[in-house]
Amino acid sequence: MFEHPGDIMKAKAEEAPLPHFFQEGQPDSIPRITKDTLLEVLDGKFDGTYDQRMVIDCRFEYEFDGGHIDGAVNYNDKELLAGQLFEAALPGKTLLIFHCEYSAHRAPIMARHVRKQDRTTNIEQYPKLTYPEVYILDGGYSTFFSQHRERCFPQNYVEMDAKEHAYTCEREMGRLRQNRSKLSRAQTFAFGQGGVDDSPTAPNRSRTTASCDLMMMDMTSSPCLNYDRGHARRMVSY
């Protein structure tokens, strides 16, 4: 029971998803958040709402090593990430935020894959999701770095098409194209009107209990203050 109206408002605020929007023209229903919302997440504003969070940098390893949002982890293999998320999930409310250089291609692919894997994992309990809170950082690292360089480590920005990494870039792009071709030929399953990758934060969708991964960061501490810079996780497969 709530004794005061303020308690009710606080409870509703804690249950609400992150401030977000849906990008017009995008073929997915994964919500976007702004860099300002990400800063609030990193600064602990939503610590009472989520048990753990993951800021997932989907760029290639040389881009991540050249400069990344402090506290982010690097996954650019969607199967590897899905394995980490769904093979050892733990109870709790987990926040997943994806980004790449501009959040126009690689991050949406990864986020959609996680959502589809989630639907498959919970096919018998639809519309339940293990990770209902999935977002994409609008503008990606490029926009974030341009205004918040001090929140990156190292404080640098290596572009995907940097000349010194041309060979690695071409190899990784080839892998992405191959994986995308396989995905386009794979059978997909529709759940309801919105399809397999419906976002529970979309209008008229209900939220469900999220689960967490053994490798997540605890929300009780700031990832920017306690992130071990010498041991950044770089989960990449070639």
C-alpha atoms as a PDB file:
ATOM      1  CA  MET A   1       0.000   0.000   0.000  1.00  0.00           C
ATOM      2  CA  PHE A   2       1.144   3.516  -0.798  1.00  0.00           C
ATOM      3  CA  GLU A   3       0.604   6.070   1.942  1.00  0.00           C
ATOM      4  CA  HIS A   4       1.170   9.186  -0.130  1.00  0.00           C
ATOM      5  CA  PRO A   5       0.543  10.221  -3.774  1.00  0.00           C
ATOM      6  CA  GLY A   6       4.272  10.846  -4.079  1.00  0.00           C
ATOM      7  CA  ASP A   7       4.967   7.167  -3.397  1.00  0.00           C
ATOM      8  CA  ILE A   8       2.651   6.177  -6.249  1.00  0.00           C
ATOM      9  CA  MET A   9       4.363   8.570  -8.666  1.00  0.00           C
ATOM     10  CA  LYS A  10       7.788   7.273  -7.628  1.00  0.00           C
ATOM     11  CA  ALA A  11       6.712   3.657  -8.177  1.00  0.00           C
ATOM     12  CA  LYS A  12       5.366   4.490 -11.641  1.00  0.00           C
ATOM     13  CA  ALA A  13       8.600   6.271 -12.538  1.00  0.00           C
ATOM     14  CA  GLU A  14      10.634   3.234 -11.531  1.00  0.00           C
ATOM     15  CA  GLU A  15       8.469   0.980 -13.707  1.00  0.00           C
ATOM     16  CA  ALA A  16       8.652   3.214 -16.795  1.00  0.00           C
ATOM     17  CA  PRO A  17      11.179   2.410 -19.538  1.00  0.00           C
ATOM     18  CA  LEU A  18      13.948   4.799 -20.523  1.00  0.00           C
ATOM     19  CA  PRO A  19      12.927   7.962 -22.388  1.00  0.00           C
ATOM     20  CA  HIS A  20      13.058   6.856 -26.020  1.00  0.00           C
ATOM     21  CA  PHE A  21      11.756   7.333 -29.534  1.00  0.00           C
ATOM     22  CA  PHE A  22      11.346   5.286 -32.694  1.00  0.00           C
ATOM     23  CA  GLN A  23      13.412   6.312 -35.700  1.00  0.00           C
ATOM     24  CA  GLU A  24      11.331   6.918 -38.786  1.00  0.00           C
ATOM     25  CA  GLY A  25      12.248   4.782 -41.757  1.00  0.00           C
ATOM     26  CA  GLN A  26      13.989   2.071 -39.733  1.00  0.00           C
ATOM     27  CA  PRO A  27      12.851  -1.501 -40.515  1.00  0.00           C
ATOM     28  CA  ASP A  28      12.885  -2.522 -36.856  1.00  0.00           C
ATOM     29  CA  SER A  29      10.909  -1.697 -33.740  1.00  0.00           C
ATOM     30  CA  ILE A  30      13.931  -1.267 -31.455  1.00  0.00           C
ATOM     31  CA  PRO A  31      13.638   2.074 -29.631  1.00  0.00           C
ATOM     32  CA  ARG A  32      16.378   4.714 -29.764  1.00  0.00           C
ATOM     33  CA  ILE A  33      17.749   6.791 -26.899  1.00  0.00           C
ATOM     34  CA  THR A  34      19.691  10.034 -27.036  1.00  0.00           C
ATOM     35  CA  LYS A  35      23.223  10.591 -25.798  1.00  0.00           C
ATOM     36  CA  ASP A  36      21.778  12.642 -22.933  1.00  0.00           C
ATOM     37  CA  THR A  37      19.722   9.661 -21.765  1.00  0.00           C
ATOM     38  CA  LEU A  38      22.823   7.469 -21.966  1.00  0.00           C
ATOM     39  CA  LEU A  39      24.696   9.942 -19.778  1.00  0.00           C
ATOM     40  CA  GLU A  40      21.908   9.693 -17.208  1.00  0.00           C
ATOM     41  CA  VAL A  41      22.221   5.905 -17.299  1.00  0.00           C
ATOM     42  CA  LEU A  42      25.997   6.090 -16.822  1.00  0.00           C
ATOM     43  CA  ASP A  43      25.611   8.612 -13.997  1.00  0.00           C
ATOM     44  CA  GLY A  44      23.281   6.303 -12.093  1.00  0.00           C
ATOM     45  CA  LYS A  45      19.907   7.983 -12.553  1.00  0.00           C
ATOM     46  CA  PHE A  46      18.258   4.629 -13.278  1.00  0.00           C
ATOM     47  CA  ASP A  47      20.178   2.499 -10.782  1.00  0.00           C
ATOM     48  CA  GLY A  48      16.960   1.892  -8.850  1.00  0.00           C
ATOM     49  CA  THR A  49      15.201   0.626 -11.955  1.00  0.00           C
ATOM     50  CA  TYR A  50      17.722  -1.922 -13.281  1.00  0.00           C
ATOM     51  CA  ASP A  51      19.875  -4.505 -11.554  1.00  0.00           C
ATOM     52  CA  GLN A  52      22.580  -4.322 -14.213  1.00  0.00           C
ATOM     53  CA  ARG A  53      23.300  -2.715 -17.552  1.00  0.00           C
ATOM     54  CA  MET A  54      25.387  -3.386 -20.620  1.00  0.00           C
ATOM     55  CA  VAL A  55      26.504  -0.730 -23.085  1.00  0.00           C
ATOM     56  CA  ILE A  56      27.383  -2.861 -26.106  1.00  0.00           C
ATOM     57  CA  ASP A  57      29.821  -1.374 -28.625  1.00  0.00           C
ATOM     58  CA  CYS A  58      29.242  -3.227 -31.910  1.00  0.00           C
ATOM     59  CA  ARG A  59      32.195  -1.733 -33.782  1.00  0.00           C
ATOM     60  CA  PHE A  60      35.250  -3.648 -34.916  1.00  0.00           C
ATOM     61  CA  GLU A  61      37.981  -4.315 -32.364  1.00  0.00           C
ATOM     62  CA  TYR A  62      40.417  -1.708 -33.718  1.00  0.00           C
ATOM     63  CA  GLU A  63      37.688   0.937 -33.441  1.00  0.00           C
ATOM     64  CA  PHE A  64      36.934  -0.053 -29.857  1.00  0.00           C
ATOM     65  CA  ASP A  65      40.634  -0.100 -28.900  1.00  0.00           C
ATOM     66  CA  GLY A  66      41.052   3.324 -30.492  1.00  0.00           C
ATOM     67  CA  GLY A  67      38.433   4.874 -28.213  1.00  0.00           C
ATOM     68  CA  HIS A  68      35.134   3.823 -26.654  1.00  0.00           C
ATOM     69  CA  ILE A  69      32.525   4.952 -24.151  1.00  0.00           C
ATOM     70  CA  ASP A  70      34.034   4.276 -20.752  1.00  0.00           C
ATOM     71  CA  GLY A  71      32.360   1.187 -19.330  1.00  0.00           C
ATOM     72  CA  ALA A  72      31.228  -0.244 -22.683  1.00  0.00           C
ATOM     73  CA  VAL A  73      31.976  -3.804 -23.788  1.00  0.00           C
ATOM     74  CA  ASN A  74      32.843  -4.849 -27.329  1.00  0.00           C
ATOM     75  CA  TYR A  75      30.820  -7.481 -29.188  1.00  0.00           C
ATOM     76  CA  ASN A  76      30.646  -7.524 -32.970  1.00  0.00           C
ATOM     77  CA  ASP A  77      29.661 -11.160 -33.399  1.00  0.00           C
ATOM     78  CA  LYS A  78      25.920 -11.536 -32.865  1.00  0.00           C
ATOM     79  CA  GLU A  79      26.031 -15.278 -32.247  1.00  0.00           C
ATOM     80  CA  LEU A  80      28.706 -14.880 -29.589  1.00  0.00           C
ATOM     81  CA  LEU A  81      26.704 -12.167 -27.866  1.00  0.00           C
ATOM     82  CA  ALA A  82      23.479 -14.189 -27.982  1.00  0.00           C
ATOM     83  CA  GLY A  83      25.323 -17.138 -26.474  1.00  0.00           C
ATOM     84  CA  GLN A  84      26.576 -15.002 -23.596  1.00  0.00           C
ATOM     85  CA  LEU A  85      23.139 -13.511 -22.956  1.00  0.00           C
ATOM     86  CA  PHE A  86      20.961 -16.606 -23.141  1.00  0.00           C
ATOM     87  CA  GLU A  87      23.144 -19.504 -21.996  1.00  0.00           C
ATOM     88  CA  ALA A  88      23.708 -18.122 -18.505  1.00  0.00           C
ATOM     89  CA  ALA A  89      20.880 -15.702 -17.796  1.00  0.00           C
ATOM     90  CA  LEU A  90      20.209 -14.736 -14.177  1.00  0.00           C
ATOM     91  CA  PRO A  91      17.117 -13.205 -12.542  1.00  0.00           C
ATOM     92  CA  GLY A  92      16.973  -9.445 -12.488  1.00  0.00           C
ATOM     93  CA  LYS A  93      16.152  -6.426 -14.607  1.00  0.00           C
ATOM     94  CA  THR A  94      18.793  -5.857 -17.264  1.00  0.00           C
ATOM     95  CA  LEU A  95      19.295  -2.888 -19.554  1.00  0.00           C
ATOM     96  CA  LEU A  96      20.956  -3.422 -22.955  1.00  0.00           C
ATOM     97  CA  ILE A  97      22.116  -0.417 -24.986  1.00  0.00           C
ATOM     98  CA  PHE A  98      23.646  -1.019 -28.418  1.00  0.00           C
ATOM     99  CA  HIS A  99      25.691   1.327 -30.571  1.00  0.00           C
ATOM    100  CA  CYS A 100      28.219   1.336 -33.404  1.00  0.00           C
ATOM    101  CA  GLU A 101      29.923   4.243 -35.169  1.00  0.00           C
ATOM    102  CA  TYR A 102      26.680   5.897 -36.268  1.00  0.00           C
ATOM    103  CA  SER A 103      24.172   3.288 -35.016  1.00  0.00           C
ATOM    104  CA  ALA A 104      22.913   2.966 -38.568  1.00  0.00           C
ATOM    105  CA  HIS A 105      23.864  -0.616 -39.481  1.00  0.00           C
ATOM    106  CA  ARG A 106      25.861  -2.799 -37.117  1.00  0.00           C
ATOM    107  CA  ALA A 107      24.113  -1.906 -33.853  1.00  0.00           C
ATOM    108  CA  PRO A 108      20.590  -2.422 -35.291  1.00  0.00           C
ATOM    109  CA  ILE A 109      21.645  -5.813 -36.703  1.00  0.00           C
ATOM    110  CA  MET A 110      22.949  -6.917 -33.298  1.00  0.00           C
ATOM    111  CA  ALA A 111      19.934  -5.576 -31.408  1.00  0.00           C
ATOM    112  CA  ARG A 112      17.467  -7.246 -33.787  1.00  0.00           C
ATOM    113  CA  HIS A 113      19.319 -10.540 -33.514  1.00  0.00           C
ATOM    114  CA  VAL A 114      19.161 -10.459 -29.709  1.00  0.00           C
ATOM    115  CA  ARG A 115      15.442  -9.679 -29.858  1.00  0.00           C
ATOM    116  CA  LYS A 116      14.774 -12.565 -32.297  1.00  0.00           C
ATOM    117  CA  GLN A 117      16.805 -14.947 -30.150  1.00  0.00           C
ATOM    118  CA  ASP A 118      14.791 -13.775 -27.161  1.00  0.00           C
ATOM    119  CA  ARG A 119      11.528 -14.539 -28.971  1.00  0.00           C
ATOM    120  CA  THR A 120      12.804 -17.989 -29.905  1.00  0.00           C
ATOM    121  CA  THR A 121      13.983 -18.709 -26.358  1.00  0.00           C
ATOM    122  CA  ASN A 122      10.608 -17.736 -24.926  1.00  0.00           C
ATOM    123  CA  ILE A 123       8.442 -19.077 -27.763  1.00  0.00           C
ATOM    124  CA  GLU A 124       6.259 -21.062 -25.363  1.00  0.00           C
ATOM    125  CA  GLN A 125       5.701 -18.053 -23.099  1.00  0.00           C
ATOM    126  CA  TYR A 126       4.967 -15.272 -25.586  1.00  0.00           C
ATOM    127  CA  PRO A 127       5.061 -12.309 -25.104  1.00  0.00           C
ATOM    128  CA  LYS A 128       7.608 -12.863 -22.327  1.00  0.00           C
ATOM    129  CA  LEU A 129      11.130 -11.610 -23.013  1.00  0.00           C
ATOM    130  CA  THR A 130      14.298 -12.326 -21.067  1.00  0.00           C
ATOM    131  CA  TYR A 131      15.607  -8.876 -22.056  1.00  0.00           C
ATOM    132  CA  PRO A 132      12.657  -6.551 -22.681  1.00  0.00           C
ATOM    133  CA  GLU A 133      14.747  -3.396 -22.219  1.00  0.00           C
ATOM    134  CA  VAL A 134      16.788  -3.170 -25.446  1.00  0.00           C
ATOM    135  CA  TYR A 135      17.750   0.216 -26.912  1.00  0.00           C
ATOM    136  CA  ILE A 136      19.989   1.693 -29.618  1.00  0.00           C
ATOM    137  CA  LEU A 137      22.051   4.842 -28.984  1.00  0.00           C
ATOM    138  CA  ASP A 138      21.017   7.391 -31.587  1.00  0.00           C
ATOM    139  CA  GLY A 139      23.979   8.761 -33.538  1.00  0.00           C
ATOM    140  CA  GLY A 140      26.353   6.139 -32.158  1.00  0.00           C
ATOM    141  CA  TYR A 141      29.879   6.712 -30.946  1.00  0.00           C
ATOM    142  CA  SER A 142      30.463   9.489 -33.476  1.00  0.00           C
ATOM    143  CA  THR A 143      27.828  11.767 -31.956  1.00  0.00           C
ATOM    144  CA  PHE A 144      28.624  10.802 -28.372  1.00  0.00           C
ATOM    145  CA  PHE A 145      32.365  11.444 -28.787  1.00  0.00           C
ATOM    146  CA  SER A 146      31.801  14.815 -30.449  1.00  0.00           C
ATOM    147  CA  GLN A 147      30.186  16.194 -27.292  1.00  0.00           C
ATOM    148  CA  HIS A 148      31.432  13.948 -24.496  1.00  0.00           C
ATOM    149  CA  ARG A 149      35.020  13.152 -25.296  1.00  0.00           C
ATOM    150  CA  GLU A 150      35.851  13.128 -21.585  1.00  0.00           C
ATOM    151  CA  ARG A 151      33.547  10.128 -21.087  1.00  0.00           C
ATOM    152  CA  CYS A 152      35.526   8.003 -23.536  1.00  0.00           C
ATOM    153  CA  PHE A 153      38.653   5.892 -23.050  1.00  0.00           C
ATOM    154  CA  PRO A 154      41.032   6.514 -24.549  1.00  0.00           C
ATOM    155  CA  GLN A 155      39.804   9.966 -25.507  1.00  0.00           C
ATOM    156  CA  ASN A 156      40.071   9.235 -29.197  1.00  0.00           C
ATOM    157  CA  TYR A 157      37.960   8.227 -32.190  1.00  0.00           C
ATOM    158  CA  VAL A 158      39.180   5.740 -34.810  1.00  0.00           C
ATOM    159  CA  GLU A 159      36.842   5.642 -37.795  1.00  0.00           C
ATOM    160  CA  MET A 160      35.773   2.355 -39.335  1.00  0.00           C
ATOM    161  CA  ASP A 161      37.360   3.256 -42.682  1.00  0.00           C
ATOM    162  CA  ALA A 162      40.666   4.439 -41.197  1.00  0.00           C
ATOM    163  CA  LYS A 163      43.366   3.807 -43.810  1.00  0.00           C
ATOM    164  CA  GLU A 164      45.677   1.993 -41.417  1.00  0.00           C
ATOM    165  CA  HIS A 165      42.969  -0.596 -40.788  1.00  0.00           C
ATOM    166  CA  ALA A 166      41.721  -0.989 -44.369  1.00  0.00           C
ATOM    167  CA  TYR A 167      42.510  -4.711 -44.585  1.00  0.00           C
ATOM    168  CA  THR A 168      40.831  -5.569 -41.286  1.00  0.00           C
ATOM    169  CA  CYS A 169      37.840  -3.428 -42.183  1.00  0.00           C
ATOM    170  CA  GLU A 170      37.351  -5.198 -45.497  1.00  0.00           C
ATOM    171  CA  ARG A 171      37.636  -8.597 -43.839  1.00  0.00           C
ATOM    172  CA  GLU A 172      35.095  -7.727 -41.156  1.00  0.00           C
ATOM    173  CA  MET A 173      32.692  -6.166 -43.645  1.00  0.00           C
ATOM    174  CA  GLY A 174      32.891  -9.342 -45.695  1.00  0.00           C
ATOM    175  CA  ARG A 175      31.959 -11.354 -42.613  1.00  0.00           C
ATOM    176  CA  LEU A 176      29.008  -9.071 -41.953  1.00  0.00           C
ATOM    177  CA  ARG A 177      27.776  -9.363 -45.527  1.00  0.00           C
ATOM    178  CA  GLN A 178      28.069 -13.145 -45.373  1.00  0.00           C
ATOM    179  CA  ASN A 179      26.171 -13.327 -42.105  1.00  0.00           C
ATOM    180  CA  ARG A 180      23.476 -11.015 -43.402  1.00  0.00           C
ATOM    181  CA  SER A 181      23.063 -13.161 -46.513  1.00  0.00           C
ATOM    182  CA  LYS A 182      22.583 -16.246 -44.331  1.00  0.00           C
ATOM    183  CA  LEU A 183      20.072 -14.375 -42.205  1.00  0.00           C
ATOM    184  CA  SER A 184      18.015 -13.320 -45.233  1.00  0.00           C
ATOM    185  CA  ARG A 185      17.676 -16.964 -46.287  1.00  0.00           C
ATOM    186  CA  ALA A 186      16.771 -18.202 -42.823  1.00  0.00           C
ATOM    187  CA  GLN A 187      13.197 -18.942 -41.867  1.00  0.00           C
ATOM    188  CA  THR A 188      11.577 -16.281 -39.688  1.00  0.00           C
ATOM    189  CA  PHE A 189       8.606 -16.602 -37.383  1.00  0.00           C
ATOM    190  CA  ALA A 190       5.918 -13.990 -36.779  1.00  0.00           C
ATOM    191  CA  PHE A 191       4.494 -13.432 -33.319  1.00  0.00           C
ATOM    192  CA  GLY A 192       1.386 -11.277 -33.337  1.00  0.00           C
ATOM    193  CA  GLN A 193       0.955  -8.346 -35.673  1.00  0.00           C
ATOM    194  CA  GLY A 194       4.308  -6.726 -35.130  1.00  0.00           C
ATOM    195  CA  GLY A 195       6.599  -9.629 -35.944  1.00  0.00           C
ATOM    196  CA  VAL A 196       9.371 -11.398 -34.123  1.00  0.00           C
ATOM    197  CA  ASP A 197      11.364  -8.309 -33.134  1.00  0.00           C
ATOM    198  CA  ASP A 198       8.526  -6.285 -31.619  1.00  0.00           C
ATOM    199  CA  SER A 199       9.696  -3.980 -28.864  1.00  0.00           C
ATOM    200  CA  PRO A 200       7.825  -4.194 -25.551  1.00  0.00           C
ATOM    201  CA  THR A 201       8.437  -0.452 -25.210  1.00  0.00           C
ATOM    202  CA  ALA A 202       6.456   0.233 -28.363  1.00  0.00           C
ATOM    203  CA  PRO A 203       2.920   1.617 -27.904  1.00  0.00           C
ATOM    204  CA  ASN A 204       0.380  -0.843 -26.446  1.00  0.00           C
ATOM    205  CA  ARG A 205       3.018  -3.390 -25.459  1.00  0.00           C
ATOM    206  CA  SER A 206       3.465  -4.606 -21.881  1.00  0.00           C
ATOM    207  CA  ARG A 207       6.785  -4.944 -20.107  1.00  0.00           C
ATOM    208  CA  THR A 208       7.970  -8.229 -18.627  1.00  0.00           C
ATOM    209  CA  THR A 209      10.523  -9.331 -16.104  1.00  0.00           C
ATOM    210  CA  ALA A 210      14.044  -9.161 -17.476  1.00  0.00           C
ATOM    211  CA  SER A 211      16.952 -11.480 -16.712  1.00  0.00           C
ATOM    212  CA  CYS A 212      20.640 -10.777 -16.462  1.00  0.00           C
ATOM    213  CA  ASP A 213      23.892 -12.265 -17.651  1.00  0.00           C
ATOM    214  CA  LEU A 214      26.788 -13.466 -15.533  1.00  0.00           C
ATOM    215  CA  MET A 215      29.101 -11.020 -17.272  1.00  0.00           C
ATOM    216  CA  MET A 216      27.006  -7.884 -16.618  1.00  0.00           C
ATOM    217  CA  MET A 217      28.161  -4.907 -14.586  1.00  0.00           C
ATOM    218  CA  ASP A 218      26.501  -4.293 -11.215  1.00  0.00           C
ATOM    219  CA  MET A 219      24.322  -1.174 -11.147  1.00  0.00           C
ATOM    220  CA  THR A 220      25.424  -0.371  -7.600  1.00  0.00           C
ATOM    221  CA  SER A 221      28.615   1.192  -8.926  1.00  0.00           C
ATOM    222  CA  SER A 222      29.310   3.618 -11.720  1.00  0.00           C
ATOM    223  CA  PRO A 223      30.846   1.862 -14.737  1.00  0.00           C
ATOM    224  CA  CYS A 224      32.680   5.063 -15.604  1.00  0.00           C
ATOM    225  CA  LEU A 225      34.416   5.244 -12.233  1.00  0.00           C
ATOM    226  CA  ASN A 226      35.158   1.556 -11.674  1.00  0.00           C
ATOM    227  CA  TYR A 227      35.703   0.270 -15.183  1.00  0.00           C
ATOM    228  CA  ASP A 228      38.953  -1.678 -15.411  1.00  0.00           C
ATOM    229  CA  ARG A 229      40.607   0.027 -18.357  1.00  0.00           C
ATOM    230  CA  GLY A 230      43.364  -2.530 -18.527  1.00  0.00           C
ATOM    231  CA  HIS A 231      40.990  -5.426 -18.994  1.00  0.00           C
ATOM    232  CA  ALA A 232      38.356  -4.251 -21.452  1.00  0.00           C
ATOM    233  CA  ARG A 233      36.354  -7.222 -22.708  1.00  0.00           C
ATOM    234  CA  ARG A 234      36.676  -7.587 -26.435  1.00  0.00           C
ATOM    235  CA  MET A 235      34.473 -10.415 -27.630  1.00  0.00           C
ATOM    236  CA  VAL A 236      35.212 -10.837 -31.328  1.00  0.00           C
ATOM    237  CA  SER A 237      35.313 -13.857 -33.603  1.00  0.00           C
ATOM    238  CA  TYR A 238      36.841 -13.876 -37.057  1.00  0.00           C
END
